[in-house]
């Protein structure tokens, strides 16, 4: 939330495991959704 407030991010979701990120993307109502990441743990949510 400190980073989100600094950058003016609209929706901050923290403490997420890879499967939680997948659920968060699936539940988003403003679609299409683009996900940007780089790590191994981002592979499921990118897919």
ModelCIF file with pLDDT and N, C-alpha, C, O atoms, coordinates in Angstrom:
data_MODEL
#
_entry.id   MODEL 
#
_entity.id                         1 
_entity.type                       polymer 
_entity.pdbx_number_of_molecules   1 
#
_entity_poly.entity_id                      1 
_entity_poly.type                           'polypeptide(L)' 
_entity_poly.nstd_linkage                   no 
_entity_poly.nstd_monomer                   no 
_entity_poly.pdbx_seq_one_letter_code       
;(UNK)(UNK)(UNK)(UNK)(UNK)(UNK)(UNK)(UNK)(UNK)(UNK)(UNK)(UNK)(UNK)(UNK)(UNK)(UNK)
(UNK)(UNK)(UNK)(UNK)(UNK)(UNK)(UNK)(UNK)(UNK)(UNK)(UNK)(UNK)(UNK)(UNK)(UNK)(UNK)
(UNK)(UNK)(UNK)(UNK)(UNK)(UNK)(UNK)(UNK)(UNK)(UNK)(UNK)(UNK)(UNK)(UNK)(UNK)
;
_entity_poly.pdbx_seq_one_letter_code_can   XXXXXXXXXXXXXXXXXXXXXXXXXXXXXXXXXXXXXXXXXXXXXXX 
_entity_poly.pdbx_strand_id                 A 
#
loop_
_entity_poly_seq.entity_id 
_entity_poly_seq.num 
_entity_poly_seq.mon_id 
_entity_poly_seq.hetero 
1 1  UNK n 
1 2  UNK n 
1 3  UNK n 
1 4  UNK n 
1 5  UNK n 
1 6  UNK n 
1 7  UNK n 
1 8  UNK n 
1 9  UNK n 
1 10 UNK n 
1 11 UNK n 
1 12 UNK n 
1 13 UNK n 
1 14 UNK n 
1 15 UNK n 
1 16 UNK n 
1 17 UNK n 
1 18 UNK n 
1 19 UNK n 
1 20 UNK n 
1 21 UNK n 
1 22 UNK n 
1 23 UNK n 
1 24 UNK n 
1 25 UNK n 
1 26 UNK n 
1 27 UNK n 
1 28 UNK n 
1 29 UNK n 
1 30 UNK n 
1 31 UNK n 
1 32 UNK n 
1 33 UNK n 
1 34 UNK n 
1 35 UNK n 
1 36 UNK n 
1 37 UNK n 
1 38 UNK n 
1 39 UNK n 
1 40 UNK n 
1 41 UNK n 
1 42 UNK n 
1 43 UNK n 
1 44 UNK n 
1 45 UNK n 
1 46 UNK n 
1 47 UNK n 
#
_struct_asym.id          A 
_struct_asym.entity_id   1 
#
loop_
_ma_qa_metric.id 
_ma_qa_metric.mode 
_ma_qa_metric.name 
_ma_qa_metric.software_group_id 
_ma_qa_metric.type 
1 global pLDDT . pLDDT 
2 local  pLDDT . pLDDT 
#
_ma_qa_metric_global.metric_id      1 
_ma_qa_metric_global.metric_value   82.94 
_ma_qa_metric_global.model_id       1 
_ma_qa_metric_global.ordinal_id     1 
#
loop_
_ma_qa_metric_local.label_asym_id 
_ma_qa_metric_local.label_comp_id 
_ma_qa_metric_local.label_seq_id 
_ma_qa_metric_local.metric_id 
_ma_qa_metric_local.metric_value 
_ma_qa_metric_local.model_id 
_ma_qa_metric_local.ordinal_id 
A UNK 1  2 85.00 1 1  
A UNK 2  2 83.00 1 2  
A UNK 3  2 84.00 1 3  
A UNK 4  2 87.00 1 4  
A UNK 5  2 88.00 1 5  
A UNK 6  2 87.00 1 6  
A UNK 7  2 89.00 1 7  
A UNK 8  2 90.00 1 8  
A UNK 9  2 91.00 1 9  
A UNK 10 2 92.00 1 10 
A UNK 11 2 91.00 1 11 
A UNK 12 2 91.00 1 12 
A UNK 13 2 90.00 1 13 
A UNK 14 2 85.00 1 14 
A UNK 15 2 80.00 1 15 
A UNK 16 2 80.00 1 16 
A UNK 17 2 73.00 1 17 
A UNK 18 2 72.00 1 18 
A UNK 19 2 77.00 1 19 
A UNK 20 2 83.00 1 20 
A UNK 21 2 84.00 1 21 
A UNK 22 2 84.00 1 22 
A UNK 23 2 87.00 1 23 
A UNK 24 2 89.00 1 24 
A UNK 25 2 88.00 1 25 
A UNK 26 2 87.00 1 26 
A UNK 27 2 89.00 1 27 
A UNK 28 2 90.00 1 28 
A UNK 29 2 88.00 1 29 
A UNK 30 2 90.00 1 30 
A UNK 31 2 89.00 1 31 
A UNK 32 2 91.00 1 32 
A UNK 33 2 91.00 1 33 
A UNK 34 2 93.00 1 34 
A UNK 35 2 91.00 1 35 
A UNK 36 2 89.00 1 36 
A UNK 37 2 82.00 1 37 
A UNK 38 2 73.00 1 38 
A UNK 39 2 58.00 1 39 
A UNK 40 2 54.00 1 40 
A UNK 41 2 59.00 1 41 
A UNK 42 2 70.00 1 42 
A UNK 43 2 68.00 1 43 
A UNK 44 2 76.00 1 44 
A UNK 45 2 81.00 1 45 
A UNK 46 2 81.00 1 46 
A UNK 47 2 78.00 1 47 
#
loop_
_atom_site.group_PDB 
_atom_site.id 
_atom_site.type_symbol 
_atom_site.label_atom_id 
_atom_site.label_alt_id 
_atom_site.label_comp_id 
_atom_site.label_asym_id 
_atom_site.label_entity_id 
_atom_site.label_seq_id 
_atom_site.pdbx_PDB_ins_code 
_atom_site.Cartn_x 
_atom_site.Cartn_y 
_atom_site.Cartn_z 
_atom_site.occupancy 
_atom_site.B_iso_or_equiv 
_atom_site.pdbx_formal_charge 
_atom_site.auth_seq_id 
_atom_site.auth_comp_id 
_atom_site.auth_asym_id 
_atom_site.auth_atom_id 
_atom_site.pdbx_PDB_model_num 
ATOM 1   N N  . UNK A 1 1  ? 0.828   -1.216  0.000   1.00 85.00 ? 1  UNK A N  1 
ATOM 2   C CA . UNK A 1 1  ? 0.000   0.000   0.000   1.00 85.00 ? 1  UNK A CA 1 
ATOM 3   C C  . UNK A 1 1  ? 0.859   1.262   0.000   1.00 85.00 ? 1  UNK A C  1 
ATOM 4   O O  . UNK A 1 1  ? 0.462   2.289   -0.550  1.00 85.00 ? 1  UNK A O  1 
ATOM 5   N N  . UNK A 1 2  ? 2.045   1.180   0.623   1.00 83.00 ? 2  UNK A N  1 
ATOM 6   C CA . UNK A 1 2  ? 2.943   2.340   0.562   1.00 83.00 ? 2  UNK A CA 1 
ATOM 7   C C  . UNK A 1 2  ? 3.363   2.599   -0.878  1.00 83.00 ? 2  UNK A C  1 
ATOM 8   O O  . UNK A 1 2  ? 3.345   3.741   -1.336  1.00 83.00 ? 2  UNK A O  1 
ATOM 9   N N  . UNK A 1 3  ? 3.741   1.538   -1.596  1.00 84.00 ? 3  UNK A N  1 
ATOM 10  C CA . UNK A 1 3  ? 4.130   1.682   -2.999  1.00 84.00 ? 3  UNK A CA 1 
ATOM 11  C C  . UNK A 1 3  ? 2.939   2.145   -3.843  1.00 84.00 ? 3  UNK A C  1 
ATOM 12  O O  . UNK A 1 3  ? 3.077   3.023   -4.694  1.00 84.00 ? 3  UNK A O  1 
ATOM 13  N N  . UNK A 1 4  ? 1.760   1.542   -3.597  1.00 87.00 ? 4  UNK A N  1 
ATOM 14  C CA . UNK A 1 4  ? 0.576   1.904   -4.357  1.00 87.00 ? 4  UNK A CA 1 
ATOM 15  C C  . UNK A 1 4  ? 0.176   3.354   -4.172  1.00 87.00 ? 4  UNK A C  1 
ATOM 16  O O  . UNK A 1 4  ? -0.222  4.021   -5.127  1.00 87.00 ? 4  UNK A O  1 
ATOM 17  N N  . UNK A 1 5  ? 0.281   3.840   -2.946  1.00 88.00 ? 5  UNK A N  1 
ATOM 18  C CA . UNK A 1 5  ? -0.067  5.230   -2.670  1.00 88.00 ? 5  UNK A CA 1 
ATOM 19  C C  . UNK A 1 5  ? 0.929   6.177   -3.314  1.00 88.00 ? 5  UNK A C  1 
ATOM 20  O O  . UNK A 1 5  ? 0.555   7.232   -3.827  1.00 88.00 ? 5  UNK A O  1 
ATOM 21  N N  . UNK A 1 6  ? 2.197   5.797   -3.285  1.00 87.00 ? 6  UNK A N  1 
ATOM 22  C CA . UNK A 1 6  ? 3.234   6.631   -3.895  1.00 87.00 ? 6  UNK A CA 1 
ATOM 23  C C  . UNK A 1 6  ? 3.035   6.769   -5.397  1.00 87.00 ? 6  UNK A C  1 
ATOM 24  O O  . UNK A 1 6  ? 3.258   7.837   -5.967  1.00 87.00 ? 6  UNK A O  1 
ATOM 25  N N  . UNK A 1 7  ? 2.613   5.681   -6.034  1.00 89.00 ? 7  UNK A N  1 
ATOM 26  C CA . UNK A 1 7  ? 2.505   5.660   -7.495  1.00 89.00 ? 7  UNK A CA 1 
ATOM 27  C C  . UNK A 1 7  ? 1.107   5.963   -8.016  1.00 89.00 ? 7  UNK A C  1 
ATOM 28  O O  . UNK A 1 7  ? 0.909   6.051   -9.227  1.00 89.00 ? 7  UNK A O  1 
ATOM 29  N N  . UNK A 1 8  ? 0.139   6.125   -7.127  1.00 90.00 ? 8  UNK A N  1 
ATOM 30  C CA . UNK A 1 8  ? -1.225  6.409   -7.577  1.00 90.00 ? 8  UNK A CA 1 
ATOM 31  C C  . UNK A 1 8  ? -1.899  5.237   -8.249  1.00 90.00 ? 8  UNK A C  1 
ATOM 32  O O  . UNK A 1 8  ? -2.638  5.412   -9.218  1.00 90.00 ? 8  UNK A O  1 
ATOM 33  N N  . UNK A 1 9  ? -1.650  4.031   -7.738  1.00 91.00 ? 9  UNK A N  1 
ATOM 34  C CA . UNK A 1 9  ? -2.247  2.818   -8.318  1.00 91.00 ? 9  UNK A CA 1 
ATOM 35  C C  . UNK A 1 9  ? -3.694  2.695   -7.860  1.00 91.00 ? 9  UNK A C  1 
ATOM 36  O O  . UNK A 1 9  ? -3.993  2.920   -6.687  1.00 91.00 ? 9  UNK A O  1 
ATOM 37  N N  . UNK A 1 10 ? -4.592  2.341   -8.770  1.00 92.00 ? 10 UNK A N  1 
ATOM 38  C CA . UNK A 1 10 ? -6.028  2.314   -8.482  1.00 92.00 ? 10 UNK A CA 1 
ATOM 39  C C  . UNK A 1 10 ? -6.432  1.142   -7.590  1.00 92.00 ? 10 UNK A C  1 
ATOM 40  O O  . UNK A 1 10 ? -7.293  1.293   -6.724  1.00 92.00 ? 10 UNK A O  1 
ATOM 41  N N  . UNK A 1 11 ? -5.816  -0.024  -7.794  1.00 91.00 ? 11 UNK A N  1 
ATOM 42  C CA . UNK A 1 11 ? -6.249  -1.244  -7.106  1.00 91.00 ? 11 UNK A CA 1 
ATOM 43  C C  . UNK A 1 11 ? -5.011  -1.997  -6.627  1.00 91.00 ? 11 UNK A C  1 
ATOM 44  O O  . UNK A 1 11 ? -4.235  -2.499  -7.441  1.00 91.00 ? 11 UNK A O  1 
ATOM 45  N N  . UNK A 1 12 ? -4.820  -2.077  -5.281  1.00 91.00 ? 12 UNK A N  1 
ATOM 46  C CA . UNK A 1 12 ? -3.656  -2.749  -4.706  1.00 91.00 ? 12 UNK A CA 1 
ATOM 47  C C  . UNK A 1 12 ? -4.119  -4.005  -3.975  1.00 91.00 ? 12 UNK A C  1 
ATOM 48  O O  . UNK A 1 12 ? -4.974  -3.945  -3.091  1.00 91.00 ? 12 UNK A O  1 
ATOM 49  N N  . UNK A 1 13 ? -3.542  -5.142  -4.357  1.00 90.00 ? 13 UNK A N  1 
ATOM 50  C CA . UNK A 1 13 ? -3.874  -6.405  -3.700  1.00 90.00 ? 13 UNK A CA 1 
ATOM 51  C C  . UNK A 1 13 ? -2.565  -7.059  -3.257  1.00 90.00 ? 13 UNK A C  1 
ATOM 52  O O  . UNK A 1 13 ? -1.698  -7.350  -4.081  1.00 90.00 ? 13 UNK A O  1 
ATOM 53  N N  . UNK A 1 14 ? -2.430  -7.288  -1.943  1.00 85.00 ? 14 UNK A N  1 
ATOM 54  C CA . UNK A 1 14 ? -1.161  -7.735  -1.365  1.00 85.00 ? 14 UNK A CA 1 
ATOM 55  C C  . UNK A 1 14 ? -1.309  -9.091  -0.683  1.00 85.00 ? 14 UNK A C  1 
ATOM 56  O O  . UNK A 1 14 ? -2.416  -9.592  -0.487  1.00 85.00 ? 14 UNK A O  1 
ATOM 57  N N  . UNK A 1 15 ? -0.161  -9.669  -0.328  1.00 80.00 ? 15 UNK A N  1 
ATOM 58  C CA . UNK A 1 15 ? -0.140  -10.948 0.374   1.00 80.00 ? 15 UNK A CA 1 
ATOM 59  C C  . UNK A 1 15 ? -0.671  -12.096 -0.454  1.00 80.00 ? 15 UNK A C  1 
ATOM 60  O O  . UNK A 1 15 ? -1.274  -13.026 0.081   1.00 80.00 ? 15 UNK A O  1 
ATOM 61  N N  . UNK A 1 16 ? -0.448  -12.037 -1.774  1.00 80.00 ? 16 UNK A N  1 
ATOM 62  C CA . UNK A 1 16 ? -1.036  -13.027 -2.670  1.00 80.00 ? 16 UNK A CA 1 
ATOM 63  C C  . UNK A 1 16 ? -0.038  -14.126 -3.027  1.00 80.00 ? 16 UNK A C  1 
ATOM 64  O O  . UNK A 1 16 ? 1.117   -13.850 -3.350  1.00 80.00 ? 16 UNK A O  1 
ATOM 65  N N  . UNK A 1 17 ? -0.491  -15.356 -2.965  1.00 73.00 ? 17 UNK A N  1 
ATOM 66  C CA . UNK A 1 17 ? 0.254   -16.476 -3.513  1.00 73.00 ? 17 UNK A CA 1 
ATOM 67  C C  . UNK A 1 17 ? -0.042  -16.550 -5.020  1.00 73.00 ? 17 UNK A C  1 
ATOM 68  O O  . UNK A 1 17 ? -0.988  -15.914 -5.484  1.00 73.00 ? 17 UNK A O  1 
ATOM 69  N N  . UNK A 1 18 ? 0.751   -17.316 -5.796  1.00 72.00 ? 18 UNK A N  1 
ATOM 70  C CA . UNK A 1 18 ? 0.475   -17.405 -7.235  1.00 72.00 ? 18 UNK A CA 1 
ATOM 71  C C  . UNK A 1 18 ? -0.965  -17.769 -7.574  1.00 72.00 ? 18 UNK A C  1 
ATOM 72  O O  . UNK A 1 18 ? -1.542  -17.223 -8.515  1.00 72.00 ? 18 UNK A O  1 
ATOM 73  N N  . UNK A 1 19 ? -1.551  -18.703 -6.798  1.00 77.00 ? 19 UNK A N  1 
ATOM 74  C CA . UNK A 1 19 ? -2.951  -19.067 -7.086  1.00 77.00 ? 19 UNK A CA 1 
ATOM 75  C C  . UNK A 1 19 ? -3.916  -17.944 -6.736  1.00 77.00 ? 19 UNK A C  1 
ATOM 76  O O  . UNK A 1 19 ? -4.985  -17.827 -7.335  1.00 77.00 ? 19 UNK A O  1 
ATOM 77  N N  . UNK A 1 20 ? -3.530  -17.097 -5.740  1.00 83.00 ? 20 UNK A N  1 
ATOM 78  C CA . UNK A 1 20 ? -4.364  -15.946 -5.388  1.00 83.00 ? 20 UNK A CA 1 
ATOM 79  C C  . UNK A 1 20 ? -4.349  -14.902 -6.507  1.00 83.00 ? 20 UNK A C  1 
ATOM 80  O O  . UNK A 1 20 ? -5.357  -14.246 -6.770  1.00 83.00 ? 20 UNK A O  1 
ATOM 81  N N  . UNK A 1 21 ? -3.196  -14.758 -7.159  1.00 84.00 ? 21 UNK A N  1 
ATOM 82  C CA . UNK A 1 21 ? -3.109  -13.811 -8.276  1.00 84.00 ? 21 UNK A CA 1 
ATOM 83  C C  . UNK A 1 21 ? -4.008  -14.256 -9.426  1.00 84.00 ? 21 UNK A C  1 
ATOM 84  O O  . UNK A 1 21 ? -4.650  -13.433 -10.078 1.00 84.00 ? 21 UNK A O  1 
ATOM 85  N N  . UNK A 1 22 ? -4.045  -15.550 -9.665  1.00 84.00 ? 22 UNK A N  1 
ATOM 86  C CA . UNK A 1 22 ? -4.913  -16.082 -10.710 1.00 84.00 ? 22 UNK A CA 1 
ATOM 87  C C  . UNK A 1 22 ? -6.373  -15.767 -10.393 1.00 84.00 ? 22 UNK A C  1 
ATOM 88  O O  . UNK A 1 22 ? -7.131  -15.342 -11.266 1.00 84.00 ? 22 UNK A O  1 
ATOM 89  N N  . UNK A 1 23 ? -6.757  -15.978 -9.140  1.00 87.00 ? 23 UNK A N  1 
ATOM 90  C CA . UNK A 1 23 ? -8.145  -15.695 -8.729  1.00 87.00 ? 23 UNK A CA 1 
ATOM 91  C C  . UNK A 1 23 ? -8.455  -14.211 -8.856  1.00 87.00 ? 23 UNK A C  1 
ATOM 92  O O  . UNK A 1 23 ? -9.553  -13.836 -9.266  1.00 87.00 ? 23 UNK A O  1 
ATOM 93  N N  . UNK A 1 24 ? -7.478  -13.358 -8.502  1.00 89.00 ? 24 UNK A N  1 
ATOM 94  C CA . UNK A 1 24 ? -7.685  -11.914 -8.576  1.00 89.00 ? 24 UNK A CA 1 
ATOM 95  C C  . UNK A 1 24 ? -7.900  -11.469 -10.021 1.00 89.00 ? 24 UNK A C  1 
ATOM 96  O O  . UNK A 1 24 ? -8.787  -10.662 -10.300 1.00 89.00 ? 24 UNK A O  1 
ATOM 97  N N  . UNK A 1 25 ? -7.086  -11.997 -10.940 1.00 88.00 ? 25 UNK A N  1 
ATOM 98  C CA . UNK A 1 25 ? -7.234  -11.635 -12.355 1.00 88.00 ? 25 UNK A CA 1 
ATOM 99  C C  . UNK A 1 25 ? -8.587  -12.102 -12.886 1.00 88.00 ? 25 UNK A C  1 
ATOM 100 O O  . UNK A 1 25 ? -9.267  -11.370 -13.604 1.00 88.00 ? 25 UNK A O  1 
ATOM 101 N N  . UNK A 1 26 ? -8.963  -13.309 -12.531 1.00 87.00 ? 26 UNK A N  1 
ATOM 102 C CA . UNK A 1 26 ? -10.223 -13.881 -13.007 1.00 87.00 ? 26 UNK A CA 1 
ATOM 103 C C  . UNK A 1 26 ? -11.417 -13.069 -12.521 1.00 87.00 ? 26 UNK A C  1 
ATOM 104 O O  . UNK A 1 26 ? -12.420 -12.946 -13.224 1.00 87.00 ? 26 UNK A O  1 
ATOM 105 N N  . UNK A 1 27 ? -11.305 -12.513 -11.312 1.00 89.00 ? 27 UNK A N  1 
ATOM 106 C CA . UNK A 1 27 ? -12.433 -11.797 -10.705 1.00 89.00 ? 27 UNK A CA 1 
ATOM 107 C C  . UNK A 1 27 ? -12.540 -10.343 -11.161 1.00 89.00 ? 27 UNK A C  1 
ATOM 108 O O  . UNK A 1 27 ? -13.553 -9.697  -10.896 1.00 89.00 ? 27 UNK A O  1 
ATOM 109 N N  . UNK A 1 28 ? -11.533 -9.818  -11.833 1.00 90.00 ? 28 UNK A N  1 
ATOM 110 C CA . UNK A 1 28 ? -11.565 -8.410  -12.243 1.00 90.00 ? 28 UNK A CA 1 
ATOM 111 C C  . UNK A 1 28 ? -12.682 -8.181  -13.253 1.00 90.00 ? 28 UNK A C  1 
ATOM 112 O O  . UNK A 1 28 ? -12.872 -8.970  -14.179 1.00 90.00 ? 28 UNK A O  1 
ATOM 113 N N  . UNK A 1 29 ? -13.414 -7.092  -13.062 1.00 88.00 ? 29 UNK A N  1 
ATOM 114 C CA . UNK A 1 29 ? -14.586 -6.809  -13.896 1.00 88.00 ? 29 UNK A CA 1 
ATOM 115 C C  . UNK A 1 29 ? -14.259 -5.935  -15.098 1.00 88.00 ? 29 UNK A C  1 
ATOM 116 O O  . UNK A 1 29 ? -14.928 -6.028  -16.128 1.00 88.00 ? 29 UNK A O  1 
ATOM 117 N N  . UNK A 1 30 ? -13.242 -5.087  -14.983 1.00 90.00 ? 30 UNK A N  1 
ATOM 118 C CA . UNK A 1 30 ? -12.861 -4.232  -16.111 1.00 90.00 ? 30 UNK A CA 1 
ATOM 119 C C  . UNK A 1 30 ? -11.944 -5.037  -17.034 1.00 90.00 ? 30 UNK A C  1 
ATOM 120 O O  . UNK A 1 30 ? -10.752 -5.169  -16.756 1.00 90.00 ? 30 UNK A O  1 
ATOM 121 N N  . UNK A 1 31 ? -12.482 -5.568  -18.114 1.00 89.00 ? 31 UNK A N  1 
ATOM 122 C CA . UNK A 1 31 ? -11.751 -6.460  -19.004 1.00 89.00 ? 31 UNK A CA 1 
ATOM 123 C C  . UNK A 1 31 ? -11.748 -5.892  -20.417 1.00 89.00 ? 31 UNK A C  1 
ATOM 124 O O  . UNK A 1 31 ? -12.601 -5.076  -20.767 1.00 89.00 ? 31 UNK A O  1 
ATOM 125 N N  . UNK A 1 32 ? -10.780 -6.328  -21.231 1.00 91.00 ? 32 UNK A N  1 
ATOM 126 C CA . UNK A 1 32 ? -9.728  -7.311  -20.986 1.00 91.00 ? 32 UNK A CA 1 
ATOM 127 C C  . UNK A 1 32 ? -8.695  -6.817  -19.979 1.00 91.00 ? 32 UNK A C  1 
ATOM 128 O O  . UNK A 1 32 ? -8.521  -5.615  -19.779 1.00 91.00 ? 32 UNK A O  1 
ATOM 129 N N  . UNK A 1 33 ? -8.001  -7.793  -19.339 1.00 91.00 ? 33 UNK A N  1 
ATOM 130 C CA . UNK A 1 33 ? -6.971  -7.485  -18.343 1.00 91.00 ? 33 UNK A CA 1 
ATOM 131 C C  . UNK A 1 33 ? -5.612  -7.886  -18.900 1.00 91.00 ? 33 UNK A C  1 
ATOM 132 O O  . UNK A 1 33 ? -5.425  -8.999  -19.392 1.00 91.00 ? 33 UNK A O  1 
ATOM 133 N N  . UNK A 1 34 ? -4.673  -6.959  -18.811 1.00 93.00 ? 34 UNK A N  1 
ATOM 134 C CA . UNK A 1 34 ? -3.283  -7.242  -19.178 1.00 93.00 ? 34 UNK A CA 1 
ATOM 135 C C  . UNK A 1 34 ? -2.483  -7.407  -17.894 1.00 93.00 ? 34 UNK A C  1 
ATOM 136 O O  . UNK A 1 34 ? -2.534  -6.552  -17.011 1.00 93.00 ? 34 UNK A O  1 
ATOM 137 N N  . UNK A 1 35 ? -1.741  -8.511  -17.791 1.00 91.00 ? 35 UNK A N  1 
ATOM 138 C CA . UNK A 1 35 ? -0.889  -8.761  -16.627 1.00 91.00 ? 35 UNK A CA 1 
ATOM 139 C C  . UNK A 1 35 ? 0.568   -8.622  -17.041 1.00 91.00 ? 35 UNK A C  1 
ATOM 140 O O  . UNK A 1 35 ? 0.983   -9.174  -18.060 1.00 91.00 ? 35 UNK A O  1 
ATOM 141 N N  . UNK A 1 36 ? 1.349   -7.880  -16.246 1.00 89.00 ? 36 UNK A N  1 
ATOM 142 C CA . UNK A 1 36 ? 2.766   -7.646  -16.532 1.00 89.00 ? 36 UNK A CA 1 
ATOM 143 C C  . UNK A 1 36 ? 3.597   -8.228  -15.395 1.00 89.00 ? 36 UNK A C  1 
ATOM 144 O O  . UNK A 1 36 ? 3.423   -7.844  -14.238 1.00 89.00 ? 36 UNK A O  1 
ATOM 145 N N  . UNK A 1 37 ? 4.500   -9.154  -15.720 1.00 82.00 ? 37 UNK A N  1 
ATOM 146 C CA . UNK A 1 37 ? 5.348   -9.766  -14.705 1.00 82.00 ? 37 UNK A CA 1 
ATOM 147 C C  . UNK A 1 37 ? 6.616   -10.304 -15.323 1.00 82.00 ? 37 UNK A C  1 
ATOM 148 O O  . UNK A 1 37 ? 6.825   -10.199 -16.531 1.00 82.00 ? 37 UNK A O  1 
ATOM 149 N N  . UNK A 1 38 ? 7.484   -10.897 -14.467 1.00 73.00 ? 38 UNK A N  1 
ATOM 150 C CA . UNK A 1 38 ? 8.750   -11.398 -15.009 1.00 73.00 ? 38 UNK A CA 1 
ATOM 151 C C  . UNK A 1 38 ? 9.250   -12.680 -14.350 1.00 73.00 ? 38 UNK A C  1 
ATOM 152 O O  . UNK A 1 38 ? 10.142  -13.329 -14.897 1.00 73.00 ? 38 UNK A O  1 
ATOM 153 N N  . UNK A 1 39 ? 8.715   -13.063 -13.212 1.00 58.00 ? 39 UNK A N  1 
ATOM 154 C CA . UNK A 1 39 ? 9.263   -14.195 -12.479 1.00 58.00 ? 39 UNK A CA 1 
ATOM 155 C C  . UNK A 1 39 ? 8.551   -15.502 -12.746 1.00 58.00 ? 39 UNK A C  1 
ATOM 156 O O  . UNK A 1 39 ? 7.510   -15.543 -13.402 1.00 58.00 ? 39 UNK A O  1 
ATOM 157 N N  . UNK A 1 40 ? 9.140   -16.581 -12.218 1.00 54.00 ? 40 UNK A N  1 
ATOM 158 C CA . UNK A 1 40 ? 8.530   -17.907 -12.353 1.00 54.00 ? 40 UNK A CA 1 
ATOM 159 C C  . UNK A 1 40 ? 7.143   -17.924 -11.722 1.00 54.00 ? 40 UNK A C  1 
ATOM 160 O O  . UNK A 1 40 ? 6.220   -18.544 -12.249 1.00 54.00 ? 40 UNK A O  1 
ATOM 161 N N  . UNK A 1 41 ? 7.004   -17.235 -10.582 1.00 59.00 ? 41 UNK A N  1 
ATOM 162 C CA . UNK A 1 41 ? 5.708   -17.237 -9.896  1.00 59.00 ? 41 UNK A CA 1 
ATOM 163 C C  . UNK A 1 41 ? 4.641   -16.461 -10.672 1.00 59.00 ? 41 UNK A C  1 
ATOM 164 O O  . UNK A 1 41 ? 3.456   -16.550 -10.351 1.00 59.00 ? 41 UNK A O  1 
ATOM 165 N N  . UNK A 1 42 ? 5.059   -15.694 -11.700 1.00 70.00 ? 42 UNK A N  1 
ATOM 166 C CA . UNK A 1 42 ? 4.084   -14.950 -12.506 1.00 70.00 ? 42 UNK A CA 1 
ATOM 167 C C  . UNK A 1 42 ? 3.540   -15.774 -13.665 1.00 70.00 ? 42 UNK A C  1 
ATOM 168 O O  . UNK A 1 42 ? 2.558   -15.373 -14.290 1.00 70.00 ? 42 UNK A O  1 
ATOM 169 N N  . UNK A 1 43 ? 4.156   -16.921 -13.969 1.00 68.00 ? 43 UNK A N  1 
ATOM 170 C CA . UNK A 1 43 ? 3.755   -17.712 -15.136 1.00 68.00 ? 43 UNK A CA 1 
ATOM 171 C C  . UNK A 1 43 ? 2.275   -18.088 -15.120 1.00 68.00 ? 43 UNK A C  1 
ATOM 172 O O  . UNK A 1 43 ? 1.613   -17.933 -16.146 1.00 68.00 ? 43 UNK A O  1 
ATOM 173 N N  . UNK A 1 44 ? 1.715   -18.580 -13.993 1.00 76.00 ? 44 UNK A N  1 
ATOM 174 C CA . UNK A 1 44 ? 0.287   -18.945 -14.022 1.00 76.00 ? 44 UNK A CA 1 
ATOM 175 C C  . UNK A 1 44 ? -0.635  -17.767 -14.309 1.00 76.00 ? 44 UNK A C  1 
ATOM 176 O O  . UNK A 1 44 ? -1.589  -17.901 -15.075 1.00 76.00 ? 44 UNK A O  1 
ATOM 177 N N  . UNK A 1 45 ? -0.361  -16.617 -13.705 1.00 81.00 ? 45 UNK A N  1 
ATOM 178 C CA . UNK A 1 45 ? -1.259  -15.478 -13.890 1.00 81.00 ? 45 UNK A CA 1 
ATOM 179 C C  . UNK A 1 45 ? -1.081  -14.867 -15.277 1.00 81.00 ? 45 UNK A C  1 
ATOM 180 O O  . UNK A 1 45 ? -2.034  -14.320 -15.831 1.00 81.00 ? 45 UNK A O  1 
ATOM 181 N N  . UNK A 1 46 ? 0.129   -14.951 -15.850 1.00 81.00 ? 46 UNK A N  1 
ATOM 182 C CA . UNK A 1 46 ? 0.331   -14.484 -17.229 1.00 81.00 ? 46 UNK A CA 1 
ATOM 183 C C  . UNK A 1 46 ? -0.464  -15.345 -18.199 1.00 81.00 ? 46 UNK A C  1 
ATOM 184 O O  . UNK A 1 46 ? -1.013  -14.841 -19.180 1.00 81.00 ? 46 UNK A O  1 
ATOM 185 N N  . UNK A 1 47 ? -0.525  -16.642 -17.924 1.00 78.00 ? 47 UNK A N  1 
ATOM 186 C CA . UNK A 1 47 ? -1.243  -17.564 -18.809 1.00 78.00 ? 47 UNK A CA 1 
ATOM 187 C C  . UNK A 1 47 ? -2.750  -17.356 -18.746 1.00 78.00 ? 47 UNK A C  1 
ATOM 188 O O  . UNK A 1 47 ? -3.498  -18.052 -19.432 1.00 78.00 ? 47 UNK A O  1 
#
